[in-house]
Full PDB file with SEQRES, HELIX, SHEET, SSBOND, CRYST1, ORIGX, SCALE, CONECT and MASTER records, all heavy atoms in Angstrom:
SEQRES   1 A   32  ILE THR GLY LEU GLU MET ALA TRP TYR TYR ARG PRO PRO          
SEQRES   2 A   32  GLN GLY LYS TYR SER THR GLN ASN LEU LYS MET ALA GLN          
SEQRES   3 A   32  GLU LEU GLY TYR LYS THR                                      
HELIX    1 AA1 PRO A   13  GLY A   15  5                                   3    
HELIX    2 AA2 THR A   19  GLU A   27  1                                   9    
CRYST1    1.000    1.000    1.000  90.00  90.00  90.00 P 1           1          
ORIGX1      1.000000  0.000000  0.000000        0.00000                         
ORIGX2      0.000000  1.000000  0.000000        0.00000                         
ORIGX3      0.000000  0.000000  1.000000        0.00000                         
SCALE1      1.000000  0.000000  0.000000        0.00000                         
SCALE2      0.000000  1.000000  0.000000        0.00000                         
SCALE3      0.000000  0.000000  1.000000        0.00000                         
ATOM      1  N   ILE A   1      90.025 102.197  82.023  1.00  0.00           N  
ATOM      2  CA  ILE A   1      90.949 102.850  81.084  1.00  0.00           C  
ATOM      3  C   ILE A   1      92.352 102.260  81.183  1.00  0.00           C  
ATOM      4  O   ILE A   1      93.007 102.020  80.159  1.00  0.00           O  
ATOM      5  CB  ILE A   1      90.996 104.368  81.362  1.00  0.00           C  
ATOM      6  CG1 ILE A   1      89.678 105.024  80.955  1.00  0.00           C  
ATOM      7  CG2 ILE A   1      92.161 105.033  80.621  1.00  0.00           C  
ATOM      8  CD1 ILE A   1      89.545 106.455  81.430  1.00  0.00           C  
ATOM      9  N   THR A   2      92.827 102.016  82.387  1.00  0.00           N  
ATOM     10  CA  THR A   2      94.226 101.638  82.594  1.00  0.00           C  
ATOM     11  C   THR A   2      94.435 100.166  82.936  1.00  0.00           C  
ATOM     12  O   THR A   2      95.554  99.651  82.807  1.00  0.00           O  
ATOM     13  CB  THR A   2      94.857 102.459  83.723  1.00  0.00           C  
ATOM     14  OG1 THR A   2      94.215 102.113  84.971  1.00  0.00           O  
ATOM     15  CG2 THR A   2      94.690 103.951  83.467  1.00  0.00           C  
ATOM     16  N   GLY A   3      93.386  99.507  83.404  1.00  0.00           N  
ATOM     17  CA  GLY A   3      93.529  98.139  83.881  1.00  0.00           C  
ATOM     18  C   GLY A   3      94.120  98.049  85.272  1.00  0.00           C  
ATOM     19  O   GLY A   3      94.420  96.962  85.762  1.00  0.00           O  
ATOM     20  N   LEU A   4      94.271  99.194  85.934  1.00  0.00           N  
ATOM     21  CA  LEU A   4      94.923  99.258  87.238  1.00  0.00           C  
ATOM     22  C   LEU A   4      93.972  99.799  88.303  1.00  0.00           C  
ATOM     23  O   LEU A   4      93.006 100.487  87.992  1.00  0.00           O  
ATOM     24  CB  LEU A   4      96.161 100.165  87.169  1.00  0.00           C  
ATOM     25  CG  LEU A   4      97.235  99.779  86.155  1.00  0.00           C  
ATOM     26  CD1 LEU A   4      98.275 100.895  86.058  1.00  0.00           C  
ATOM     27  CD2 LEU A   4      97.886  98.457  86.531  1.00  0.00           C  
ATOM     28  N   GLU A   5      94.300  99.497  89.554  1.00  0.00           N  
ATOM     29  CA  GLU A   5      93.567 100.085  90.664  1.00  0.00           C  
ATOM     30  C   GLU A   5      94.095 101.502  90.915  1.00  0.00           C  
ATOM     31  O   GLU A   5      95.296 101.742  90.881  1.00  0.00           O  
ATOM     32  CB  GLU A   5      93.743  99.255  91.936  1.00  0.00           C  
ATOM     33  CG  GLU A   5      93.069  97.890  91.887  1.00  0.00           C  
ATOM     34  CD  GLU A   5      91.548  97.981  91.884  1.00  0.00           C  
ATOM     35  OE1 GLU A   5      91.010  99.034  92.292  1.00  0.00           O  
ATOM     36  OE2 GLU A   5      90.909  96.992  91.473  1.00  0.00           O  
ATOM     37  N   MET A   6      93.194 102.421  91.173  1.00  0.00           N  
ATOM     38  CA  MET A   6      93.582 103.795  91.467  1.00  0.00           C  
ATOM     39  C   MET A   6      94.152 103.897  92.874  1.00  0.00           C  
ATOM     40  O   MET A   6      93.742 103.171  93.782  1.00  0.00           O  
ATOM     41  CB  MET A   6      92.361 104.710  91.328  1.00  0.00           C  
ATOM     42  CG  MET A   6      92.589 106.154  91.717  1.00  0.00           C  
ATOM     43  SD  MET A   6      91.148 107.191  91.355  1.00  0.00           S  
ATOM     44  CE  MET A   6      91.573 107.752  89.710  1.00  0.00           C  
ATOM     45  N   ALA A   7      95.116 104.790  93.046  1.00  0.00           N  
ATOM     46  CA  ALA A   7      95.662 105.054  94.381  1.00  0.00           C  
ATOM     47  C   ALA A   7      94.547 105.530  95.316  1.00  0.00           C  
ATOM     48  O   ALA A   7      93.606 106.199  94.890  1.00  0.00           O  
ATOM     49  CB  ALA A   7      96.762 106.110  94.298  1.00  0.00           C  
ATOM     50  N   TRP A   8      94.684 105.221  96.592  1.00  0.00           N  
ATOM     51  CA  TRP A   8      93.659 105.589  97.575  1.00  0.00           C  
ATOM     52  C   TRP A   8      93.943 106.985  98.127  1.00  0.00           C  
ATOM     53  O   TRP A   8      94.074 107.195  99.331  1.00  0.00           O  
ATOM     54  CB  TRP A   8      93.587 104.547  98.681  1.00  0.00           C  
ATOM     55  CG  TRP A   8      93.040 103.248  98.186  1.00  0.00           C  
ATOM     56  CD1 TRP A   8      93.734 102.199  97.648  1.00  0.00           C  
ATOM     57  CD2 TRP A   8      91.659 102.869  98.138  1.00  0.00           C  
ATOM     58  NE1 TRP A   8      92.870 101.189  97.270  1.00  0.00           N  
ATOM     59  CE2 TRP A   8      91.594 101.571  97.569  1.00  0.00           C  
ATOM     60  CE3 TRP A   8      90.465 103.493  98.539  1.00  0.00           C  
ATOM     61  CZ2 TRP A   8      90.386 100.903  97.382  1.00  0.00           C  
ATOM     62  CZ3 TRP A   8      89.269 102.823  98.358  1.00  0.00           C  
ATOM     63  CH2 TRP A   8      89.233 101.543  97.793  1.00  0.00           C  
ATOM     64  N   TYR A   9      94.030 107.943  97.198  1.00  0.00           N  
ATOM     65  CA  TYR A   9      94.278 109.339  97.533  1.00  0.00           C  
ATOM     66  C   TYR A   9      93.083 110.168  97.069  1.00  0.00           C  
ATOM     67  O   TYR A   9      92.640 110.045  95.919  1.00  0.00           O  
ATOM     68  CB  TYR A   9      95.543 109.863  96.852  1.00  0.00           C  
ATOM     69  CG  TYR A   9      96.817 109.123  97.211  1.00  0.00           C  
ATOM     70  CD1 TYR A   9      97.908 109.143  96.355  1.00  0.00           C  
ATOM     71  CD2 TYR A   9      96.933 108.403  98.399  1.00  0.00           C  
ATOM     72  CE1 TYR A   9      99.075 108.471  96.673  1.00  0.00           C  
ATOM     73  CE2 TYR A   9      98.090 107.733  98.721  1.00  0.00           C  
ATOM     74  CZ  TYR A   9      99.158 107.762  97.852  1.00  0.00           C  
ATOM     75  OH  TYR A   9     100.313 107.097  98.161  1.00  0.00           O  
ATOM     76  N   TYR A  10      92.613 111.032  97.935  1.00  0.00           N  
ATOM     77  CA  TYR A  10      91.420 111.840  97.663  1.00  0.00           C  
ATOM     78  C   TYR A  10      91.720 113.305  97.922  1.00  0.00           C  
ATOM     79  O   TYR A  10      92.377 113.653  98.907  1.00  0.00           O  
ATOM     80  CB  TYR A  10      90.278 111.357  98.570  1.00  0.00           C  
ATOM     81  CG  TYR A  10      89.134 112.324  98.771  1.00  0.00           C  
ATOM     82  CD1 TYR A  10      88.348 112.744  97.709  1.00  0.00           C  
ATOM     83  CD2 TYR A  10      88.827 112.804 100.056  1.00  0.00           C  
ATOM     84  CE1 TYR A  10      87.291 113.626  97.913  1.00  0.00           C  
ATOM     85  CE2 TYR A  10      87.773 113.674 100.265  1.00  0.00           C  
ATOM     86  CZ  TYR A  10      87.003 114.089  99.187  1.00  0.00           C  
ATOM     87  OH  TYR A  10      85.965 114.960  99.394  1.00  0.00           O  
ATOM     88  N   ARG A  11      91.259 114.159  97.019  1.00  0.00           N  
ATOM     89  CA  ARG A  11      91.328 115.603  97.243  1.00  0.00           C  
ATOM     90  C   ARG A  11      89.929 116.197  97.124  1.00  0.00           C  
ATOM     91  O   ARG A  11      89.273 116.071  96.069  1.00  0.00           O  
ATOM     92  CB  ARG A  11      92.269 116.281  96.250  1.00  0.00           C  
ATOM     93  CG  ARG A  11      92.216 117.824  96.346  1.00  0.00           C  
ATOM     94  CD  ARG A  11      93.391 118.476  95.657  1.00  0.00           C  
ATOM     95  NE  ARG A  11      94.604 118.335  96.457  1.00  0.00           N  
ATOM     96  CZ  ARG A  11      95.838 118.465  95.964  1.00  0.00           C  
ATOM     97  NH1 ARG A  11      96.015 118.707  94.677  1.00  0.00           N  
ATOM     98  NH2 ARG A  11      96.887 118.332  96.759  1.00  0.00           N  
ATOM     99  N   PRO A  12      89.444 116.869  98.155  1.00  0.00           N  
ATOM    100  CA  PRO A  12      88.107 117.456  98.111  1.00  0.00           C  
ATOM    101  C   PRO A  12      88.028 118.579  97.069  1.00  0.00           C  
ATOM    102  O   PRO A  12      88.878 119.473  97.056  1.00  0.00           O  
ATOM    103  CB  PRO A  12      87.913 118.017  99.524  1.00  0.00           C  
ATOM    104  CG  PRO A  12      88.907 117.292 100.373  1.00  0.00           C  
ATOM    105  CD  PRO A  12      90.074 117.026  99.477  1.00  0.00           C  
ATOM    106  N   PRO A  13      87.025 118.551  96.188  1.00  0.00           N  
ATOM    107  CA  PRO A  13      86.851 119.641  95.227  1.00  0.00           C  
ATOM    108  C   PRO A  13      86.753 120.993  95.923  1.00  0.00           C  
ATOM    109  O   PRO A  13      86.057 121.132  96.943  1.00  0.00           O  
ATOM    110  CB  PRO A  13      85.532 119.282  94.529  1.00  0.00           C  
ATOM    111  CG  PRO A  13      85.462 117.791  94.637  1.00  0.00           C  
ATOM    112  CD  PRO A  13      86.050 117.468  95.978  1.00  0.00           C  
ATOM    113  N   GLN A  14      87.478 121.970  95.391  1.00  0.00           N  
ATOM    114  CA  GLN A  14      87.507 123.344  95.911  1.00  0.00           C  
ATOM    115  C   GLN A  14      88.020 123.412  97.354  1.00  0.00           C  
ATOM    116  O   GLN A  14      87.901 124.459  98.005  1.00  0.00           O  
ATOM    117  CB  GLN A  14      86.107 123.981  95.831  1.00  0.00           C  
ATOM    118  CG  GLN A  14      85.513 123.989  94.431  1.00  0.00           C  
ATOM    119  CD  GLN A  14      84.084 124.496  94.438  1.00  0.00           C  
ATOM    120  OE1 GLN A  14      83.833 125.649  94.790  1.00  0.00           O  
ATOM    121  NE2 GLN A  14      83.135 123.640  94.070  1.00  0.00           N  
ATOM    122  N   GLY A  15      88.559 122.306  97.863  1.00  0.00           N  
ATOM    123  CA  GLY A  15      89.024 122.296  99.241  1.00  0.00           C  
ATOM    124  C   GLY A  15      87.913 122.375 100.263  1.00  0.00           C  
ATOM    125  O   GLY A  15      88.158 122.681 101.432  1.00  0.00           O  
ATOM    126  N   LYS A  16      86.676 122.073  99.863  1.00  0.00           N  
ATOM    127  CA  LYS A  16      85.543 122.131 100.793  1.00  0.00           C  
ATOM    128  C   LYS A  16      85.428 120.798 101.519  1.00  0.00           C  
ATOM    129  O   LYS A  16      85.375 119.745 100.894  1.00  0.00           O  
ATOM    130  CB  LYS A  16      84.250 122.454 100.052  1.00  0.00           C  
ATOM    131  CG  LYS A  16      84.229 123.856  99.467  1.00  0.00           C  
ATOM    132  CD  LYS A  16      82.886 124.175  98.821  1.00  0.00           C  
ATOM    133  CE  LYS A  16      82.856 125.614  98.313  1.00  0.00           C  
ATOM    134  NZ  LYS A  16      81.562 125.958  97.687  1.00  0.00           N  
ATOM    135  N   TYR A  17      85.363 120.874 102.849  1.00  0.00           N  
ATOM    136  CA  TYR A  17      85.355 119.645 103.629  1.00  0.00           C  
ATOM    137  C   TYR A  17      84.639 119.860 104.952  1.00  0.00           C  
ATOM    138  O   TYR A  17      84.368 120.987 105.359  1.00  0.00           O  
ATOM    139  CB  TYR A  17      86.795 119.184 103.890  1.00  0.00           C  
ATOM    140  CG  TYR A  17      87.535 120.028 104.900  1.00  0.00           C  
ATOM    141  CD1 TYR A  17      87.663 119.618 106.227  1.00  0.00           C  
ATOM    142  CD2 TYR A  17      88.092 121.264 104.551  1.00  0.00           C  
ATOM    143  CE1 TYR A  17      88.324 120.397 107.167  1.00  0.00           C  
ATOM    144  CE2 TYR A  17      88.757 122.042 105.480  1.00  0.00           C  
ATOM    145  CZ  TYR A  17      88.870 121.607 106.790  1.00  0.00           C  
ATOM    146  OH  TYR A  17      89.519 122.385 107.710  1.00  0.00           O  
ATOM    147  N   SER A  18      84.368 118.755 105.600  1.00  0.00           N  
ATOM    148  CA  SER A  18      83.865 118.758 106.972  1.00  0.00           C  
ATOM    149  C   SER A  18      84.509 117.585 107.683  1.00  0.00           C  
ATOM    150  O   SER A  18      85.076 116.689 107.056  1.00  0.00           O  
ATOM    151  CB  SER A  18      82.342 118.611 106.999  1.00  0.00           C  
ATOM    152  OG  SER A  18      81.967 117.326 106.522  1.00  0.00           O  
ATOM    153  N   THR A  19      84.437 117.575 108.979  1.00  0.00           N  
ATOM    154  CA  THR A  19      84.953 116.432 109.726  1.00  0.00           C  
ATOM    155  C   THR A  19      84.255 115.154 109.296  1.00  0.00           C  
ATOM    156  O   THR A  19      84.877 114.101 109.151  1.00  0.00           O  
ATOM    157  CB  THR A  19      84.754 116.645 111.234  1.00  0.00           C  
ATOM    158  OG1 THR A  19      85.464 117.812 111.631  1.00  0.00           O  
ATOM    159  CG2 THR A  19      85.274 115.462 112.022  1.00  0.00           C  
ATOM    160  N   GLN A  20      82.948 115.239 109.055  1.00  0.00           N  
ATOM    161  CA  GLN A  20      82.193 114.069 108.617  1.00  0.00           C  
ATOM    162  C   GLN A  20      82.765 113.537 107.307  1.00  0.00           C  
ATOM    163  O   GLN A  20      82.924 112.321 107.131  1.00  0.00           O  
ATOM    164  CB  GLN A  20      80.720 114.437 108.435  1.00  0.00           C  
ATOM    165  CG  GLN A  20      79.831 113.257 108.077  1.00  0.00           C  
ATOM    166  CD  GLN A  20      78.385 113.670 107.853  1.00  0.00           C  
ATOM    167  OE1 GLN A  20      78.103 114.806 107.494  1.00  0.00           O  
ATOM    168  NE2 GLN A  20      77.473 112.730 108.070  1.00  0.00           N  
ATOM    169  N   ASN A  21      83.097 114.430 106.367  1.00  0.00           N  
ATOM    170  CA  ASN A  21      83.701 114.010 105.097  1.00  0.00           C  
ATOM    171  C   ASN A  21      85.033 113.322 105.312  1.00  0.00           C  
ATOM    172  O   ASN A  21      85.345 112.299 104.692  1.00  0.00           O  
ATOM    173  CB  ASN A  21      83.942 115.206 104.191  1.00  0.00           C  
ATOM    174  CG  ASN A  21      82.683 115.842 103.656  1.00  0.00           C  
ATOM    175  OD1 ASN A  21      82.693 116.989 103.261  1.00  0.00           O  
ATOM    176  ND2 ASN A  21      81.589 115.099 103.641  1.00  0.00           N  
ATOM    177  N   LEU A  22      85.870 113.917 106.179  1.00  0.00           N  
ATOM    178  CA  LEU A  22      87.181 113.330 106.419  1.00  0.00           C  
ATOM    179  C   LEU A  22      87.043 111.933 107.010  1.00  0.00           C  
ATOM    180  O   LEU A  22      87.793 111.023 106.660  1.00  0.00           O  
ATOM    181  CB  LEU A  22      87.991 114.229 107.358  1.00  0.00           C  
ATOM    182  CG  LEU A  22      88.337 115.630 106.834  1.00  0.00           C  
ATOM    183  CD1 LEU A  22      89.134 116.398 107.880  1.00  0.00           C  
ATOM    184  CD2 LEU A  22      89.101 115.566 105.523  1.00  0.00           C  
ATOM    185  N   LYS A  23      86.071 111.760 107.890  1.00  0.00           N  
ATOM    186  CA  LYS A  23      85.826 110.446 108.479  1.00  0.00           C  
ATOM    187  C   LYS A  23      85.335 109.469 107.421  1.00  0.00           C  
ATOM    188  O   LYS A  23      85.741 108.296 107.403  1.00  0.00           O  
ATOM    189  CB  LYS A  23      84.802 110.550 109.608  1.00  0.00           C  
ATOM    190  CG  LYS A  23      85.320 111.204 110.880  1.00  0.00           C  
ATOM    191  CD  LYS A  23      84.229 111.243 111.926  1.00  0.00           C  
ATOM    192  CE  LYS A  23      84.722 111.836 113.235  1.00  0.00           C  
ATOM    193  NZ  LYS A  23      83.639 111.929 114.245  1.00  0.00           N  
ATOM    194  N   MET A  24      84.448 109.920 106.537  1.00  0.00           N  
ATOM    195  CA  MET A  24      83.948 109.054 105.473  1.00  0.00           C  
ATOM    196  C   MET A  24      85.090 108.566 104.588  1.00  0.00           C  
ATOM    197  O   MET A  24      85.199 107.378 104.276  1.00  0.00           O  
ATOM    198  CB  MET A  24      82.915 109.799 104.621  1.00  0.00           C  
ATOM    199  CG  MET A  24      81.572 110.018 105.265  1.00  0.00           C  
ATOM    200  SD  MET A  24      80.485 110.950 104.140  1.00  0.00           S  
ATOM    201  CE  MET A  24      79.011 111.096 105.131  1.00  0.00           C  
ATOM    202  N   ALA A  25      85.935 109.500 104.156  1.00  0.00           N  
ATOM    203  CA  ALA A  25      87.061 109.140 103.301  1.00  0.00           C  
ATOM    204  C   ALA A  25      87.966 108.145 104.017  1.00  0.00           C  
ATOM    205  O   ALA A  25      88.429 107.155 103.426  1.00  0.00           O  
ATOM    206  CB  ALA A  25      87.836 110.388 102.900  1.00  0.00           C  
ATOM    207  N   GLN A  26      88.213 108.389 105.288  1.00  0.00           N  
ATOM    208  CA  GLN A  26      89.060 107.499 106.078  1.00  0.00           C  
ATOM    209  C   GLN A  26      88.438 106.108 106.177  1.00  0.00           C  
ATOM    210  O   GLN A  26      89.133 105.094 106.000  1.00  0.00           O  
ATOM    211  CB  GLN A  26      89.257 108.097 107.463  1.00  0.00           C  
ATOM    212  CG  GLN A  26      90.208 107.312 108.359  1.00  0.00           C  
ATOM    213  CD  GLN A  26      90.337 107.962 109.732  1.00  0.00           C  
ATOM    214  OE1 GLN A  26      89.340 108.393 110.321  1.00  0.00           O  
ATOM    215  NE2 GLN A  26      91.557 108.067 110.231  1.00  0.00           N  
ATOM    216  N   GLU A  27      87.138 106.040 106.431  1.00  0.00           N  
ATOM    217  CA  GLU A  27      86.458 104.752 106.544  1.00  0.00           C  
ATOM    218  C   GLU A  27      86.505 103.973 105.241  1.00  0.00           C  
ATOM    219  O   GLU A  27      86.550 102.735 105.249  1.00  0.00           O  
ATOM    220  CB  GLU A  27      85.010 104.973 106.973  1.00  0.00           C  
ATOM    221  CG  GLU A  27      84.857 105.422 108.418  1.00  0.00           C  
ATOM    222  CD  GLU A  27      83.429 105.807 108.765  1.00  0.00           C  
ATOM    223  OE1 GLU A  27      82.533 105.567 107.921  1.00  0.00           O  
ATOM    224  OE2 GLU A  27      83.211 106.343 109.861  1.00  0.00           O  
ATOM    225  N   LEU A  28      86.525 104.688 104.108  1.00  0.00           N  
ATOM    226  CA  LEU A  28      86.583 104.034 102.797  1.00  0.00           C  
ATOM    227  C   LEU A  28      88.000 103.626 102.419  1.00  0.00           C  
ATOM    228  O   LEU A  28      88.195 102.952 101.407  1.00  0.00           O  
ATOM    229  CB  LEU A  28      86.006 104.964 101.729  1.00  0.00           C  
ATOM    230  CG  LEU A  28      84.502 105.250 101.832  1.00  0.00           C  
ATOM    231  CD1 LEU A  28      84.091 106.344 100.848  1.00  0.00           C  
ATOM    232  CD2 LEU A  28      83.692 103.974 101.585  1.00  0.00           C  
ATOM    233  N   GLY A  29      88.982 104.037 103.221  1.00  0.00           N  
ATOM    234  CA  GLY A  29      90.356 103.646 102.965  1.00  0.00           C  
ATOM    235  C   GLY A  29      91.215 104.694 102.296  1.00  0.00           C  
ATOM    236  O   GLY A  29      92.345 104.413 101.892  1.00  0.00           O  
ATOM    237  N   TYR A  30      90.686 105.921 102.192  1.00  0.00           N  
ATOM    238  CA  TYR A  30      91.419 106.990 101.505  1.00  0.00           C  
ATOM    239  C   TYR A  30      92.279 107.799 102.465  1.00  0.00           C  
ATOM    240  O   TYR A  30      91.944 107.965 103.640  1.00  0.00           O  
ATOM    241  CB  TYR A  30      90.442 107.953 100.822  1.00  0.00           C  
ATOM    242  CG  TYR A  30      89.848 107.415  99.552  1.00  0.00           C  
ATOM    243  CD1 TYR A  30      88.639 106.722  99.571  1.00  0.00           C  
ATOM    244  CD2 TYR A  30      90.486 107.594  98.324  1.00  0.00           C  
ATOM    245  CE1 TYR A  30      88.076 106.219  98.406  1.00  0.00           C  
ATOM    246  CE2 TYR A  30      89.932 107.098  97.153  1.00  0.00           C  
ATOM    247  CZ  TYR A  30      88.733 106.411  97.201  1.00  0.00           C  
ATOM    248  OH  TYR A  30      88.186 105.908  96.055  1.00  0.00           O  
ATOM    249  N   LYS A  31      93.352 108.331 101.925  1.00  0.00           N  
ATOM    250  CA  LYS A  31      94.092 109.423 102.539  1.00  0.00           C  
ATOM    251  C   LYS A  31      93.670 110.698 101.831  1.00  0.00           C  
ATOM    252  O   LYS A  31      93.629 110.743 100.594  1.00  0.00           O  
ATOM    253  CB  LYS A  31      95.599 109.198 102.426  1.00  0.00           C  
ATOM    254  CG  LYS A  31      96.117 108.071 103.315  1.00  0.00           C  
ATOM    255  CD  LYS A  31      97.609 107.899 103.160  1.00  0.00           C  
ATOM    256  CE  LYS A  31      98.160 106.952 104.230  1.00  0.00           C  
ATOM    257  NZ  LYS A  31      97.545 105.617 104.187  1.00  0.00           N  
ATOM    258  N   THR A  32      93.339 111.728 102.587  1.00  0.00           N  
ATOM    259  CA  THR A  32      92.911 113.013 102.023  1.00  0.00           C  
ATOM    260  C   THR A  32      94.107 113.959 101.960  1.00  0.00           C  
ATOM    261  O   THR A  32      94.810 114.131 102.954  1.00  0.00           O  
ATOM    262  CB  THR A  32      91.803 113.638 102.888  1.00  0.00           C  
ATOM    263  OG1 THR A  32      90.674 112.749 102.913  1.00  0.00           O  
ATOM    264  CG2 THR A  32      91.379 114.989 102.332  1.00  0.00           C  
TER     265      THR A  32                                                      
MASTER        0    0    0    2    0    0    0    6  264    1    0    3          
END                                                                             
């Protein structure tokens, strides 16, 4: 849509998370 790379920022839907999720996001390069 934009021709740009999206920022590496992630927000969990409904604020539902686990430590495993936070680690996954971190490994992929995201800040949660």
